[in-house]
Structure formats: structure tokens, C-alpha cells
Amino acid sequence: MTDYQAIEHGDICNSAIQSFMRLHGSITNFPGLLKKIIRMKAWENRIAFDQPVQLKSLRELICEPPIRGWGEDPKRIEAVLRDDAEALAMYREAMKHQGQRVDLGNNVPEVERPDRGNSRSYSIARVQRECDAVTVAAVLKGEVSPHRALVKAGLRETRQVYLPRDPVKAAAKLMETFDKKFALELARALMRRARGGS
């Protein structure tokens, strides 16, 4: 790696933390800067305050105290990425890697395991694992929420659906939330019930 690349890596890491702390620029720039850091693996070799710094993982960049790292809480970083599905997915994947440690056996769980269940980052990762490429692309572009994608794929139940009082709008909402098959089954069940059946 050239000195120029190390300086460039240092500059982008510095710009990102300044954006995150609102010292320079807008926090809305932070997700884009972090995506660049992850693509470049800028933590591996950078210049920080005229000193060469080499780290083994994004986690070290975030958690190590300055000047080696940012001295930040990974959960705070993740919270800022919440509305950028692509950045959140990249961040979550990069944070799985612990660097080149050789003292961890294969049966040792990840350090600070990612959230499970219904968190946004977990939902995006599940969409990437279990949904088709078109759905994944729509979620990463922000066109479809991860939750809705999982519901449509039949991978997650929707426990609450708020329906408008207008039957036409309620039908549209159900079609949007579920699928055609569900809507038809629901219509049949409603007809049976209206006729006094069960």
C-alpha cells in the first residue's frame, strides 16, 4: 500500500467520525462515508495525526480509543445507520469479523453477537439470506421495508395490521401487507361468517 492510500484512508476515517460527532458536515453523510471505509478496509492501514495506524477489523476502528480508533459504542453507530439498509447490512457483516486473532477456537461465539429477532439489522440480514435477489435489491434501495419483505416471503407473521374503516381501502391494505391467496381466503371466511357459518 502506498503512503497516498494510507493518507486517503486516514482522511476518510477522520471525515466519518467528524460527521458522526457533528463536528464537520452533516451526520447524514456518515452512512456513505462508512460504506467507503468498509469497501476500502481503511482500518487496515491509515495515517492518523501523522502516525501510521494498522488495525485488524472495523470493530477495532470503532472501539479502540483515539488515536488508534474512534472510541465509540458500536450500538450508537448502528443507530445512525438505521435508515440506510445497504450501510446497515455492510456494517453488520463487517462487524462479524474479529480480525486475525488465533487464540479463539472454532467453538467460541462471536464477540458481541449481533441482535437477534426483529431488529432492523437482523431483518436485513435475514432478507439477504432467505429472499430472492429482486426482494433483496428492493430492500437495500429502501423501496420495501425488511419487515414487509419477510412477511411477503412468508418468513414472518404480521401480528398487527391497522385497517382503514373504508372497506375498499382495507382490502387494498390487506393485499399490500399479505398476498392474493391470503386475501381470497379471508374473503371466503368473511362470506361464510356473514351467512352465519363458522
N, C-alpha and C. Protein backbone atom coordinates (compact mmCIF):
# COMPACT_ATOMS: atom_id res chain seq x y z
N MET A 1 0.83 -1.18 0.00
CA MET A 1 0.00 0.00 0.00
C MET A 1 0.87 1.24 0.00
N THR A 2 0.48 2.22 -0.80
CA THR A 2 1.27 3.45 -0.89
C THR A 2 0.94 4.38 0.27
N ASP A 3 1.86 5.34 0.49
CA ASP A 3 1.61 6.36 1.51
C ASP A 3 0.36 7.16 1.18
N TYR A 4 0.16 7.39 -0.12
CA TYR A 4 -1.02 8.15 -0.55
C TYR A 4 -2.30 7.44 -0.12
N GLN A 5 -2.36 6.11 -0.30
CA GLN A 5 -3.55 5.35 0.09
C GLN A 5 -3.76 5.40 1.60
N ALA A 6 -2.68 5.30 2.36
CA ALA A 6 -2.80 5.37 3.82
C ALA A 6 -3.32 6.74 4.25
N ILE A 7 -2.86 7.78 3.58
CA ILE A 7 -3.35 9.13 3.89
C ILE A 7 -4.83 9.24 3.53
N GLU A 8 -5.20 8.70 2.35
CA GLU A 8 -6.60 8.72 1.92
C GLU A 8 -7.48 7.96 2.92
N HIS A 9 -7.02 6.81 3.38
CA HIS A 9 -7.77 6.03 4.37
C HIS A 9 -7.93 6.82 5.66
N GLY A 10 -6.84 7.47 6.08
CA GLY A 10 -6.91 8.29 7.30
C GLY A 10 -7.89 9.43 7.15
N ASP A 11 -7.88 10.08 5.99
CA ASP A 11 -8.79 11.21 5.75
C ASP A 11 -10.24 10.78 5.81
N ILE A 12 -10.55 9.64 5.16
CA ILE A 12 -11.96 9.22 5.14
C ILE A 12 -12.42 8.76 6.52
N CYS A 13 -11.55 8.10 7.28
CA CYS A 13 -11.91 7.70 8.64
C CYS A 13 -12.13 8.93 9.51
N ASN A 14 -11.28 9.93 9.35
CA ASN A 14 -11.41 11.17 10.11
C ASN A 14 -12.69 11.91 9.74
N SER A 15 -12.99 11.99 8.44
CA SER A 15 -14.21 12.66 7.98
C SER A 15 -15.45 11.96 8.54
N ALA A 16 -15.41 10.62 8.56
CA ALA A 16 -16.57 9.86 9.03
C ALA A 16 -16.83 10.13 10.51
N ILE A 17 -15.81 10.09 11.35
CA ILE A 17 -16.05 10.30 12.78
C ILE A 17 -16.44 11.75 13.05
N GLN A 18 -15.89 12.69 12.29
CA GLN A 18 -16.30 14.09 12.46
C GLN A 18 -17.76 14.28 12.08
N SER A 19 -18.19 13.61 11.01
CA SER A 19 -19.58 13.66 10.60
C SER A 19 -20.47 13.03 11.67
N PHE A 20 -20.03 11.88 12.20
CA PHE A 20 -20.80 11.19 13.24
C PHE A 20 -20.97 12.07 14.48
N MET A 21 -19.93 12.77 14.84
CA MET A 21 -19.97 13.62 16.04
C MET A 21 -20.46 15.03 15.74
N ARG A 22 -20.86 15.24 14.48
CA ARG A 22 -21.37 16.53 14.03
C ARG A 22 -20.37 17.67 14.20
N LEU A 23 -19.08 17.32 14.10
CA LEU A 23 -18.04 18.35 14.20
C LEU A 23 -17.80 18.99 12.84
N HIS A 24 -18.06 18.24 11.78
CA HIS A 24 -17.81 18.74 10.43
C HIS A 24 -18.80 18.07 9.48
N GLY A 25 -19.56 18.85 8.75
CA GLY A 25 -20.53 18.27 7.83
C GLY A 25 -21.77 17.79 8.57
N SER A 26 -22.58 17.03 7.88
CA SER A 26 -23.84 16.55 8.44
C SER A 26 -23.75 15.07 8.78
N ILE A 27 -24.48 14.68 9.82
CA ILE A 27 -24.50 13.26 10.19
C ILE A 27 -25.11 12.42 9.08
N THR A 28 -25.88 13.05 8.19
CA THR A 28 -26.47 12.30 7.08
C THR A 28 -25.39 11.80 6.10
N ASN A 29 -24.19 12.39 6.16
CA ASN A 29 -23.09 11.93 5.32
C ASN A 29 -22.43 10.66 5.87
N PHE A 30 -22.66 10.38 7.15
CA PHE A 30 -21.94 9.30 7.81
C PHE A 30 -22.15 7.93 7.16
N PRO A 31 -23.39 7.51 6.85
CA PRO A 31 -23.55 6.17 6.24
C PRO A 31 -22.75 6.00 4.96
N GLY A 32 -22.74 7.01 4.09
CA GLY A 32 -21.98 6.91 2.84
C GLY A 32 -20.49 6.80 3.09
N LEU A 33 -19.99 7.56 4.06
CA LEU A 33 -18.57 7.51 4.40
C LEU A 33 -18.20 6.14 4.98
N LEU A 34 -19.08 5.60 5.83
CA LEU A 34 -18.80 4.29 6.42
C LEU A 34 -18.79 3.20 5.36
N LYS A 35 -19.67 3.29 4.37
CA LYS A 35 -19.66 2.32 3.28
C LYS A 35 -18.32 2.34 2.54
N LYS A 36 -17.79 3.55 2.31
CA LYS A 36 -16.48 3.66 1.66
C LYS A 36 -15.39 3.03 2.52
N ILE A 37 -15.44 3.29 3.83
CA ILE A 37 -14.45 2.72 4.75
C ILE A 37 -14.47 1.20 4.67
N ILE A 38 -15.68 0.63 4.65
CA ILE A 38 -15.81 -0.83 4.62
C ILE A 38 -15.31 -1.38 3.29
N ARG A 39 -15.68 -0.74 2.19
CA ARG A 39 -15.23 -1.22 0.87
C ARG A 39 -13.70 -1.17 0.76
N MET A 40 -13.09 -0.10 1.30
CA MET A 40 -11.64 0.09 1.20
C MET A 40 -10.87 -0.67 2.29
N LYS A 41 -11.60 -1.15 3.31
CA LYS A 41 -10.96 -1.71 4.51
C LYS A 41 -9.93 -0.70 5.03
N ALA A 42 -10.39 0.52 5.16
CA ALA A 42 -9.50 1.64 5.50
C ALA A 42 -8.85 1.50 6.87
N TRP A 43 -9.40 0.66 7.73
CA TRP A 43 -8.81 0.48 9.06
C TRP A 43 -7.48 -0.26 9.01
N GLU A 44 -7.25 -1.01 7.94
CA GLU A 44 -6.05 -1.86 7.88
C GLU A 44 -4.75 -1.07 7.84
N ASN A 45 -4.76 0.07 7.21
CA ASN A 45 -3.54 0.87 7.11
C ASN A 45 -3.92 2.31 6.82
N ARG A 46 -3.77 3.17 7.82
CA ARG A 46 -4.13 4.57 7.61
C ARG A 46 -3.16 5.47 8.38
N ILE A 47 -3.17 6.73 8.04
CA ILE A 47 -2.40 7.73 8.76
C ILE A 47 -3.37 8.52 9.63
N ALA A 48 -3.12 8.55 10.92
CA ALA A 48 -3.97 9.31 11.85
C ALA A 48 -3.05 10.22 12.66
N PHE A 49 -3.28 11.53 12.54
CA PHE A 49 -2.46 12.51 13.24
C PHE A 49 -0.97 12.27 12.97
N ASP A 50 -0.66 12.10 11.69
CA ASP A 50 0.72 11.92 11.21
C ASP A 50 1.38 10.63 11.68
N GLN A 51 0.60 9.69 12.22
CA GLN A 51 1.16 8.42 12.67
C GLN A 51 0.51 7.26 11.91
N PRO A 52 1.28 6.27 11.51
CA PRO A 52 0.69 5.10 10.86
C PRO A 52 -0.07 4.25 11.88
N VAL A 53 -1.27 3.85 11.51
CA VAL A 53 -2.09 3.01 12.39
C VAL A 53 -2.59 1.82 11.58
N GLN A 54 -2.39 0.62 12.12
CA GLN A 54 -2.87 -0.59 11.46
C GLN A 54 -3.78 -1.33 12.43
N LEU A 55 -5.00 -1.61 11.99
CA LEU A 55 -5.97 -2.34 12.79
C LEU A 55 -6.42 -3.58 12.03
N LYS A 56 -6.99 -4.53 12.74
CA LYS A 56 -7.37 -5.80 12.12
C LYS A 56 -8.84 -5.88 11.72
N SER A 57 -9.67 -4.94 12.23
CA SER A 57 -11.10 -5.05 11.94
C SER A 57 -11.78 -3.70 12.09
N LEU A 58 -12.97 -3.61 11.50
CA LEU A 58 -13.81 -2.42 11.67
C LEU A 58 -14.15 -2.23 13.15
N ARG A 59 -14.37 -3.35 13.84
CA ARG A 59 -14.69 -3.27 15.27
C ARG A 59 -13.58 -2.54 16.03
N GLU A 60 -12.33 -2.82 15.70
CA GLU A 60 -11.23 -2.13 16.36
C GLU A 60 -11.25 -0.63 16.04
N LEU A 61 -11.51 -0.29 14.78
CA LEU A 61 -11.58 1.12 14.40
C LEU A 61 -12.64 1.84 15.23
N ILE A 62 -13.77 1.21 15.42
CA ILE A 62 -14.86 1.85 16.15
C ILE A 62 -14.58 1.90 17.65
N CYS A 63 -14.09 0.81 18.21
CA CYS A 63 -14.00 0.69 19.68
C CYS A 63 -12.68 1.17 20.30
N GLU A 64 -11.57 1.04 19.56
CA GLU A 64 -10.28 1.45 20.15
C GLU A 64 -10.31 2.94 20.47
N PRO A 65 -9.66 3.35 21.56
CA PRO A 65 -9.65 4.77 21.89
C PRO A 65 -8.80 5.56 20.88
N PRO A 66 -9.09 6.85 20.73
CA PRO A 66 -8.27 7.68 19.84
C PRO A 66 -6.82 7.66 20.28
N ILE A 67 -5.84 7.69 19.42
CA ILE A 67 -5.96 7.95 18.01
C ILE A 67 -6.04 6.66 17.18
N ARG A 68 -5.89 5.53 17.84
CA ARG A 68 -5.95 4.27 17.10
C ARG A 68 -7.34 4.06 16.50
N GLY A 69 -8.36 4.41 17.23
CA GLY A 69 -9.73 4.23 16.75
C GLY A 69 -10.58 5.43 17.10
N TRP A 70 -11.90 5.20 17.12
CA TRP A 70 -12.84 6.29 17.37
C TRP A 70 -13.30 6.35 18.82
N GLY A 71 -13.14 5.25 19.56
CA GLY A 71 -13.63 5.22 20.94
C GLY A 71 -15.14 5.34 21.04
N GLU A 72 -15.84 4.67 20.11
CA GLU A 72 -17.30 4.78 20.07
C GLU A 72 -17.98 3.46 20.41
N ASP A 73 -19.25 3.55 20.77
CA ASP A 73 -20.09 2.39 21.06
C ASP A 73 -20.68 1.89 19.73
N PRO A 74 -20.45 0.62 19.36
CA PRO A 74 -20.99 0.10 18.09
C PRO A 74 -22.50 0.27 17.97
N LYS A 75 -23.22 0.25 19.09
CA LYS A 75 -24.68 0.39 19.02
C LYS A 75 -25.08 1.80 18.60
N ARG A 76 -24.30 2.79 18.98
CA ARG A 76 -24.57 4.16 18.56
C ARG A 76 -24.34 4.31 17.06
N ILE A 77 -23.29 3.66 16.57
CA ILE A 77 -23.01 3.69 15.13
C ILE A 77 -24.17 3.05 14.38
N GLU A 78 -24.60 1.89 14.84
CA GLU A 78 -25.70 1.17 14.18
C GLU A 78 -26.97 1.99 14.16
N ALA A 79 -27.24 2.73 15.24
CA ALA A 79 -28.45 3.55 15.31
C ALA A 79 -28.48 4.62 14.21
N VAL A 80 -27.32 5.18 13.90
CA VAL A 80 -27.25 6.21 12.86
C VAL A 80 -27.46 5.61 11.47
N LEU A 81 -27.15 4.33 11.31
CA LEU A 81 -27.27 3.66 10.02
C LEU A 81 -28.68 3.12 9.77
N ARG A 82 -29.54 3.24 10.73
CA ARG A 82 -30.86 2.61 10.71
C ARG A 82 -31.64 2.83 9.40
N ASP A 83 -31.57 4.02 8.83
CA ASP A 83 -32.37 4.33 7.65
C ASP A 83 -31.67 4.03 6.33
N ASP A 84 -30.45 3.53 6.38
CA ASP A 84 -29.73 3.17 5.16
C ASP A 84 -29.50 1.65 5.19
N ALA A 85 -30.41 0.94 4.54
CA ALA A 85 -30.39 -0.53 4.61
C ALA A 85 -29.08 -1.12 4.10
N GLU A 86 -28.54 -0.54 3.03
CA GLU A 86 -27.29 -1.07 2.48
C GLU A 86 -26.14 -0.88 3.46
N ALA A 87 -26.04 0.32 4.04
CA ALA A 87 -24.98 0.60 5.01
C ALA A 87 -25.12 -0.30 6.24
N LEU A 88 -26.35 -0.49 6.68
CA LEU A 88 -26.59 -1.32 7.86
C LEU A 88 -26.19 -2.77 7.61
N ALA A 89 -26.51 -3.28 6.43
CA ALA A 89 -26.13 -4.66 6.08
C ALA A 89 -24.61 -4.80 5.99
N MET A 90 -23.95 -3.84 5.34
CA MET A 90 -22.49 -3.88 5.22
C MET A 90 -21.84 -3.80 6.60
N TYR A 91 -22.36 -2.91 7.43
CA TYR A 91 -21.82 -2.73 8.79
C TYR A 91 -21.95 -4.01 9.59
N ARG A 92 -23.13 -4.60 9.54
CA ARG A 92 -23.38 -5.82 10.31
C ARG A 92 -22.43 -6.95 9.89
N GLU A 93 -22.24 -7.06 8.58
CA GLU A 93 -21.34 -8.10 8.06
C GLU A 93 -19.89 -7.83 8.48
N ALA A 94 -19.46 -6.58 8.35
CA ALA A 94 -18.08 -6.23 8.70
C ALA A 94 -17.82 -6.41 10.20
N MET A 95 -18.83 -6.17 11.01
CA MET A 95 -18.65 -6.28 12.46
C MET A 95 -18.57 -7.73 12.94
N LYS A 96 -18.94 -8.68 12.09
CA LYS A 96 -18.82 -10.10 12.45
C LYS A 96 -17.36 -10.52 12.53
N HIS A 97 -16.52 -9.88 11.72
CA HIS A 97 -15.12 -10.29 11.63
C HIS A 97 -14.33 -9.73 12.79
N GLN A 98 -13.56 -10.60 13.45
CA GLN A 98 -12.82 -10.22 14.64
C GLN A 98 -11.36 -9.90 14.34
N GLY A 99 -10.98 -9.92 13.08
CA GLY A 99 -9.57 -9.69 12.77
C GLY A 99 -8.83 -11.02 12.69
N GLN A 100 -7.54 -10.99 12.85
CA GLN A 100 -6.70 -12.16 12.65
C GLN A 100 -6.33 -12.87 13.95
N ARG A 101 -7.19 -12.83 14.94
CA ARG A 101 -6.85 -13.48 16.21
C ARG A 101 -6.77 -14.99 16.02
N VAL A 102 -5.75 -15.57 16.61
CA VAL A 102 -5.57 -17.02 16.50
C VAL A 102 -5.82 -17.72 17.83
N ASP A 103 -6.15 -16.95 18.88
CA ASP A 103 -6.35 -17.55 20.19
C ASP A 103 -7.81 -17.92 20.43
N LEU A 104 -8.67 -17.77 19.42
CA LEU A 104 -10.07 -18.13 19.57
C LEU A 104 -10.33 -19.45 18.86
N GLY A 105 -10.88 -20.40 19.58
CA GLY A 105 -11.21 -21.68 18.96
C GLY A 105 -12.47 -21.56 18.14
N ASN A 106 -12.76 -22.58 17.34
CA ASN A 106 -13.94 -22.54 16.48
C ASN A 106 -15.24 -22.55 17.25
N ASN A 107 -15.21 -23.05 18.48
CA ASN A 107 -16.44 -23.14 19.24
C ASN A 107 -16.71 -21.89 20.09
N VAL A 108 -15.89 -20.85 19.95
CA VAL A 108 -16.10 -19.63 20.71
C VAL A 108 -17.08 -18.75 19.95
N PRO A 109 -18.17 -18.29 20.61
CA PRO A 109 -19.13 -17.45 19.90
C PRO A 109 -18.51 -16.10 19.55
N GLU A 110 -19.13 -15.40 18.59
CA GLU A 110 -18.65 -14.09 18.19
C GLU A 110 -18.62 -13.15 19.38
N VAL A 111 -17.65 -12.26 19.37
CA VAL A 111 -17.63 -11.20 20.36
C VAL A 111 -18.79 -10.28 20.07
N GLU A 112 -19.56 -9.95 21.09
CA GLU A 112 -20.72 -9.07 20.97
C GLU A 112 -21.59 -9.49 19.78
N ARG A 113 -22.34 -10.58 19.98
CA ARG A 113 -23.15 -11.12 18.89
C ARG A 113 -24.15 -10.10 18.39
N PRO A 114 -24.41 -10.07 17.09
CA PRO A 114 -25.40 -9.13 16.56
C PRO A 114 -26.77 -9.41 17.14
N ASP A 115 -27.64 -8.42 17.11
CA ASP A 115 -29.00 -8.57 17.62
C ASP A 115 -29.71 -9.70 16.90
N ARG A 116 -30.62 -10.30 17.60
CA ARG A 116 -31.43 -11.36 17.02
C ARG A 116 -32.88 -10.88 16.98
N GLY A 117 -33.74 -11.67 16.33
CA GLY A 117 -35.16 -11.41 16.39
C GLY A 117 -35.62 -10.39 15.37
N ASN A 118 -36.19 -9.28 15.85
CA ASN A 118 -36.85 -8.35 14.97
C ASN A 118 -36.09 -7.04 14.76
N SER A 119 -34.84 -6.94 15.20
CA SER A 119 -34.11 -5.69 14.98
C SER A 119 -33.95 -5.48 13.48
N ARG A 120 -33.82 -4.22 13.07
CA ARG A 120 -33.72 -3.89 11.65
C ARG A 120 -32.51 -4.55 11.02
N SER A 121 -31.37 -4.51 11.71
CA SER A 121 -30.16 -5.10 11.11
C SER A 121 -30.32 -6.61 10.94
N TYR A 122 -30.94 -7.28 11.92
CA TYR A 122 -31.17 -8.72 11.79
C TYR A 122 -32.13 -9.01 10.64
N SER A 123 -33.18 -8.17 10.51
CA SER A 123 -34.17 -8.37 9.45
C SER A 123 -33.53 -8.24 8.08
N ILE A 124 -32.66 -7.24 7.91
CA ILE A 124 -31.99 -7.06 6.62
C ILE A 124 -31.11 -8.27 6.31
N ALA A 125 -30.37 -8.74 7.31
CA ALA A 125 -29.51 -9.91 7.10
C ALA A 125 -30.35 -11.13 6.73
N ARG A 126 -31.51 -11.27 7.34
CA ARG A 126 -32.37 -12.42 7.04
C ARG A 126 -32.93 -12.32 5.62
N VAL A 127 -33.30 -11.10 5.21
CA VAL A 127 -33.75 -10.90 3.83
C VAL A 127 -32.64 -11.32 2.86
N GLN A 128 -31.41 -10.90 3.15
CA GLN A 128 -30.28 -11.25 2.27
C GLN A 128 -30.06 -12.75 2.21
N ARG A 129 -30.28 -13.44 3.33
CA ARG A 129 -30.06 -14.89 3.38
C ARG A 129 -31.19 -15.67 2.71
N GLU A 130 -32.44 -15.23 2.92
CA GLU A 130 -33.57 -16.10 2.62
C GLU A 130 -34.52 -15.62 1.52
N CYS A 131 -34.32 -14.42 1.00
CA CYS A 131 -35.23 -13.92 -0.04
C CYS A 131 -34.54 -13.90 -1.40
N ASP A 132 -35.35 -13.75 -2.44
CA ASP A 132 -34.82 -13.71 -3.80
C ASP A 132 -34.07 -12.40 -4.06
N ALA A 133 -33.31 -12.38 -5.13
CA ALA A 133 -32.43 -11.24 -5.44
C ALA A 133 -33.21 -9.94 -5.67
N VAL A 134 -34.39 -10.04 -6.28
CA VAL A 134 -35.20 -8.84 -6.54
C VAL A 134 -35.65 -8.21 -5.22
N THR A 135 -36.09 -9.05 -4.29
CA THR A 135 -36.53 -8.55 -2.99
C THR A 135 -35.37 -7.93 -2.23
N VAL A 136 -34.22 -8.60 -2.26
CA VAL A 136 -33.02 -8.07 -1.57
C VAL A 136 -32.68 -6.70 -2.13
N ALA A 137 -32.68 -6.56 -3.44
CA ALA A 137 -32.34 -5.27 -4.07
C ALA A 137 -33.34 -4.19 -3.66
N ALA A 138 -34.63 -4.53 -3.62
CA ALA A 138 -35.66 -3.55 -3.23
C ALA A 138 -35.48 -3.09 -1.78
N VAL A 139 -35.12 -4.03 -0.91
CA VAL A 139 -34.90 -3.68 0.50
C VAL A 139 -33.67 -2.79 0.64
N LEU A 140 -32.57 -3.14 -0.03
CA LEU A 140 -31.34 -2.35 0.07
C LEU A 140 -31.50 -0.96 -0.52
N LYS A 141 -32.40 -0.81 -1.50
CA LYS A 141 -32.66 0.51 -2.08
C LYS A 141 -33.64 1.32 -1.23
N GLY A 142 -34.26 0.68 -0.23
CA GLY A 142 -35.22 1.37 0.62
C GLY A 142 -36.63 1.40 0.03
N GLU A 143 -36.89 0.62 -1.02
CA GLU A 143 -38.20 0.60 -1.66
C GLU A 143 -39.20 -0.23 -0.86
N VAL A 144 -38.71 -1.22 -0.14
CA VAL A 144 -39.54 -2.11 0.67
C VAL A 144 -38.87 -2.26 2.03
N SER A 145 -39.66 -2.22 3.10
CA SER A 145 -39.06 -2.40 4.42
C SER A 145 -38.66 -3.87 4.60
N PRO A 146 -37.61 -4.13 5.40
CA PRO A 146 -37.21 -5.53 5.63
C PRO A 146 -38.34 -6.35 6.23
N HIS A 147 -39.11 -5.75 7.13
CA HIS A 147 -40.22 -6.47 7.77
C HIS A 147 -41.25 -6.89 6.72
N ARG A 148 -41.64 -5.93 5.86
CA ARG A 148 -42.65 -6.25 4.84
C ARG A 148 -42.14 -7.33 3.90
N ALA A 149 -40.86 -7.28 3.53
CA ALA A 149 -40.29 -8.29 2.64
C ALA A 149 -40.37 -9.68 3.28
N LEU A 150 -40.07 -9.76 4.57
CA LEU A 150 -40.13 -11.04 5.27
C LEU A 150 -41.56 -11.55 5.39
N VAL A 151 -42.50 -10.64 5.61
CA VAL A 151 -43.91 -11.04 5.69
C VAL A 151 -44.37 -11.57 4.34
N LYS A 152 -44.06 -10.83 3.26
CA LYS A 152 -44.49 -11.26 1.91
C LYS A 152 -43.88 -12.60 1.53
N ALA A 153 -42.65 -12.87 2.01
CA ALA A 153 -41.99 -14.15 1.70
C ALA A 153 -42.49 -15.27 2.60
N GLY A 154 -43.37 -14.95 3.54
CA GLY A 154 -43.90 -15.97 4.45
C GLY A 154 -42.93 -16.37 5.54
N LEU A 155 -41.93 -15.52 5.79
CA LEU A 155 -40.91 -15.83 6.79
C LEU A 155 -41.18 -15.18 8.14
N ARG A 156 -42.17 -14.29 8.17
CA ARG A 156 -42.51 -13.62 9.42
C ARG A 156 -44.00 -13.33 9.44
N GLU A 157 -44.58 -13.49 10.59
CA GLU A 157 -46.00 -13.20 10.78
C GLU A 157 -46.19 -11.70 11.01
N THR A 158 -47.30 -11.19 10.51
CA THR A 158 -47.69 -9.83 10.87
C THR A 158 -48.76 -9.94 11.93
N ARG A 159 -48.45 -9.51 13.09
CA ARG A 159 -49.38 -9.66 14.20
C ARG A 159 -50.39 -8.51 14.25
N GLN A 160 -50.03 -7.34 13.81
CA GLN A 160 -50.94 -6.20 13.84
C GLN A 160 -50.98 -5.54 12.48
N VAL A 161 -52.19 -5.37 11.98
CA VAL A 161 -52.39 -4.62 10.76
C VAL A 161 -53.49 -3.61 11.06
N TYR A 162 -53.20 -2.35 10.86
CA TYR A 162 -54.18 -1.31 11.12
C TYR A 162 -54.95 -1.05 9.83
N LEU A 163 -56.26 -1.34 9.87
CA LEU A 163 -57.09 -1.24 8.67
C LEU A 163 -57.94 0.03 8.70
N PRO A 164 -58.04 0.70 7.54
CA PRO A 164 -58.96 1.84 7.46
C PRO A 164 -60.40 1.34 7.57
N ARG A 165 -61.32 2.23 7.92
CA ARG A 165 -62.73 1.84 8.04
C ARG A 165 -63.39 1.66 6.67
N ASP A 166 -62.85 2.28 5.66
CA ASP A 166 -63.36 2.13 4.30
C ASP A 166 -63.00 0.73 3.81
N PRO A 167 -64.01 -0.10 3.45
CA PRO A 167 -63.73 -1.49 3.02
C PRO A 167 -62.79 -1.59 1.81
N VAL A 168 -62.91 -0.67 0.86
CA VAL A 168 -62.04 -0.71 -0.32
C VAL A 168 -60.59 -0.45 0.08
N LYS A 169 -60.39 0.54 0.95
CA LYS A 169 -59.03 0.85 1.42
C LYS A 169 -58.50 -0.28 2.31
N ALA A 170 -59.40 -0.88 3.10
CA ALA A 170 -58.98 -2.00 3.95
C ALA A 170 -58.53 -3.18 3.09
N ALA A 171 -59.26 -3.44 2.00
CA ALA A 171 -58.88 -4.53 1.10
C ALA A 171 -57.52 -4.25 0.46
N ALA A 172 -57.30 -3.00 0.07
CA ALA A 172 -56.01 -2.64 -0.54
C ALA A 172 -54.87 -2.82 0.46
N LYS A 173 -55.14 -2.45 1.71
CA LYS A 173 -54.11 -2.60 2.76
C LYS A 173 -53.77 -4.07 2.98
N LEU A 174 -54.80 -4.93 3.01
CA LEU A 174 -54.56 -6.36 3.20
C LEU A 174 -53.78 -6.95 2.02
N MET A 175 -54.11 -6.52 0.80
CA MET A 175 -53.38 -7.02 -0.38
C MET A 175 -51.93 -6.57 -0.35
N GLU A 176 -51.70 -5.35 0.14
CA GLU A 176 -50.34 -4.82 0.22
C GLU A 176 -49.53 -5.55 1.28
N THR A 177 -50.20 -5.87 2.41
CA THR A 177 -49.50 -6.49 3.54
C THR A 177 -49.28 -7.98 3.33
N PHE A 178 -50.29 -8.64 2.77
CA PHE A 178 -50.19 -10.09 2.59
C PHE A 178 -50.08 -10.40 1.09
N ASP A 179 -50.73 -11.47 0.66
CA ASP A 179 -50.70 -11.79 -0.77
C ASP A 179 -52.11 -12.09 -1.25
N LYS A 180 -52.25 -12.34 -2.53
CA LYS A 180 -53.56 -12.56 -3.14
C LYS A 180 -54.26 -13.78 -2.54
N LYS A 181 -53.51 -14.85 -2.32
CA LYS A 181 -54.09 -16.08 -1.76
C LYS A 181 -54.71 -15.81 -0.39
N PHE A 182 -53.98 -15.09 0.45
CA PHE A 182 -54.49 -14.77 1.78
C PHE A 182 -55.77 -13.93 1.66
N ALA A 183 -55.76 -12.94 0.76
CA ALA A 183 -56.92 -12.06 0.61
C ALA A 183 -58.14 -12.85 0.17
N LEU A 184 -57.95 -13.80 -0.76
CA LEU A 184 -59.08 -14.62 -1.22
C LEU A 184 -59.62 -15.52 -0.10
N GLU A 185 -58.72 -16.13 0.66
CA GLU A 185 -59.14 -16.96 1.79
C GLU A 185 -59.89 -16.14 2.82
N LEU A 186 -59.41 -14.93 3.08
CA LEU A 186 -60.07 -14.04 4.04
C LEU A 186 -61.47 -13.67 3.54
N ALA A 187 -61.59 -13.37 2.24
CA ALA A 187 -62.90 -13.01 1.66
C ALA A 187 -63.88 -14.18 1.81
N ARG A 188 -63.41 -15.40 1.56
CA ARG A 188 -64.28 -16.58 1.72
C ARG A 188 -64.71 -16.75 3.18
N ALA A 189 -63.75 -16.58 4.08
CA ALA A 189 -64.07 -16.72 5.51
C ALA A 189 -65.07 -15.66 5.95
N LEU A 190 -64.93 -14.44 5.46
CA LEU A 190 -65.87 -13.36 5.82
C LEU A 190 -67.27 -13.66 5.27
N MET A 191 -67.35 -14.19 4.05
CA MET A 191 -68.64 -14.53 3.46
C MET A 191 -69.34 -15.63 4.27
N ARG A 192 -68.56 -16.67 4.66
CA ARG A 192 -69.15 -17.75 5.48
C ARG A 192 -69.69 -17.18 6.80
N ARG A 193 -68.90 -16.31 7.38
CA ARG A 193 -69.29 -15.72 8.68
C ARG A 193 -70.53 -14.85 8.54
N ALA A 194 -70.59 -14.09 7.45
CA ALA A 194 -71.74 -13.20 7.22
C ALA A 194 -73.02 -14.01 7.01
N ARG A 195 -72.87 -15.24 6.48
CA ARG A 195 -74.04 -16.11 6.25
C ARG A 195 -74.38 -16.92 7.49
N GLY A 196 -73.61 -16.74 8.56
CA GLY A 196 -73.92 -17.44 9.81
C GLY A 196 -73.13 -18.70 10.01
N GLY A 197 -72.19 -18.98 9.12
CA GLY A 197 -71.34 -20.16 9.27
C GLY A 197 -70.16 -19.86 10.16
N SER A 198 -69.26 -20.84 10.29
CA SER A 198 -68.08 -20.63 11.12
C SER A 198 -66.84 -20.63 10.28
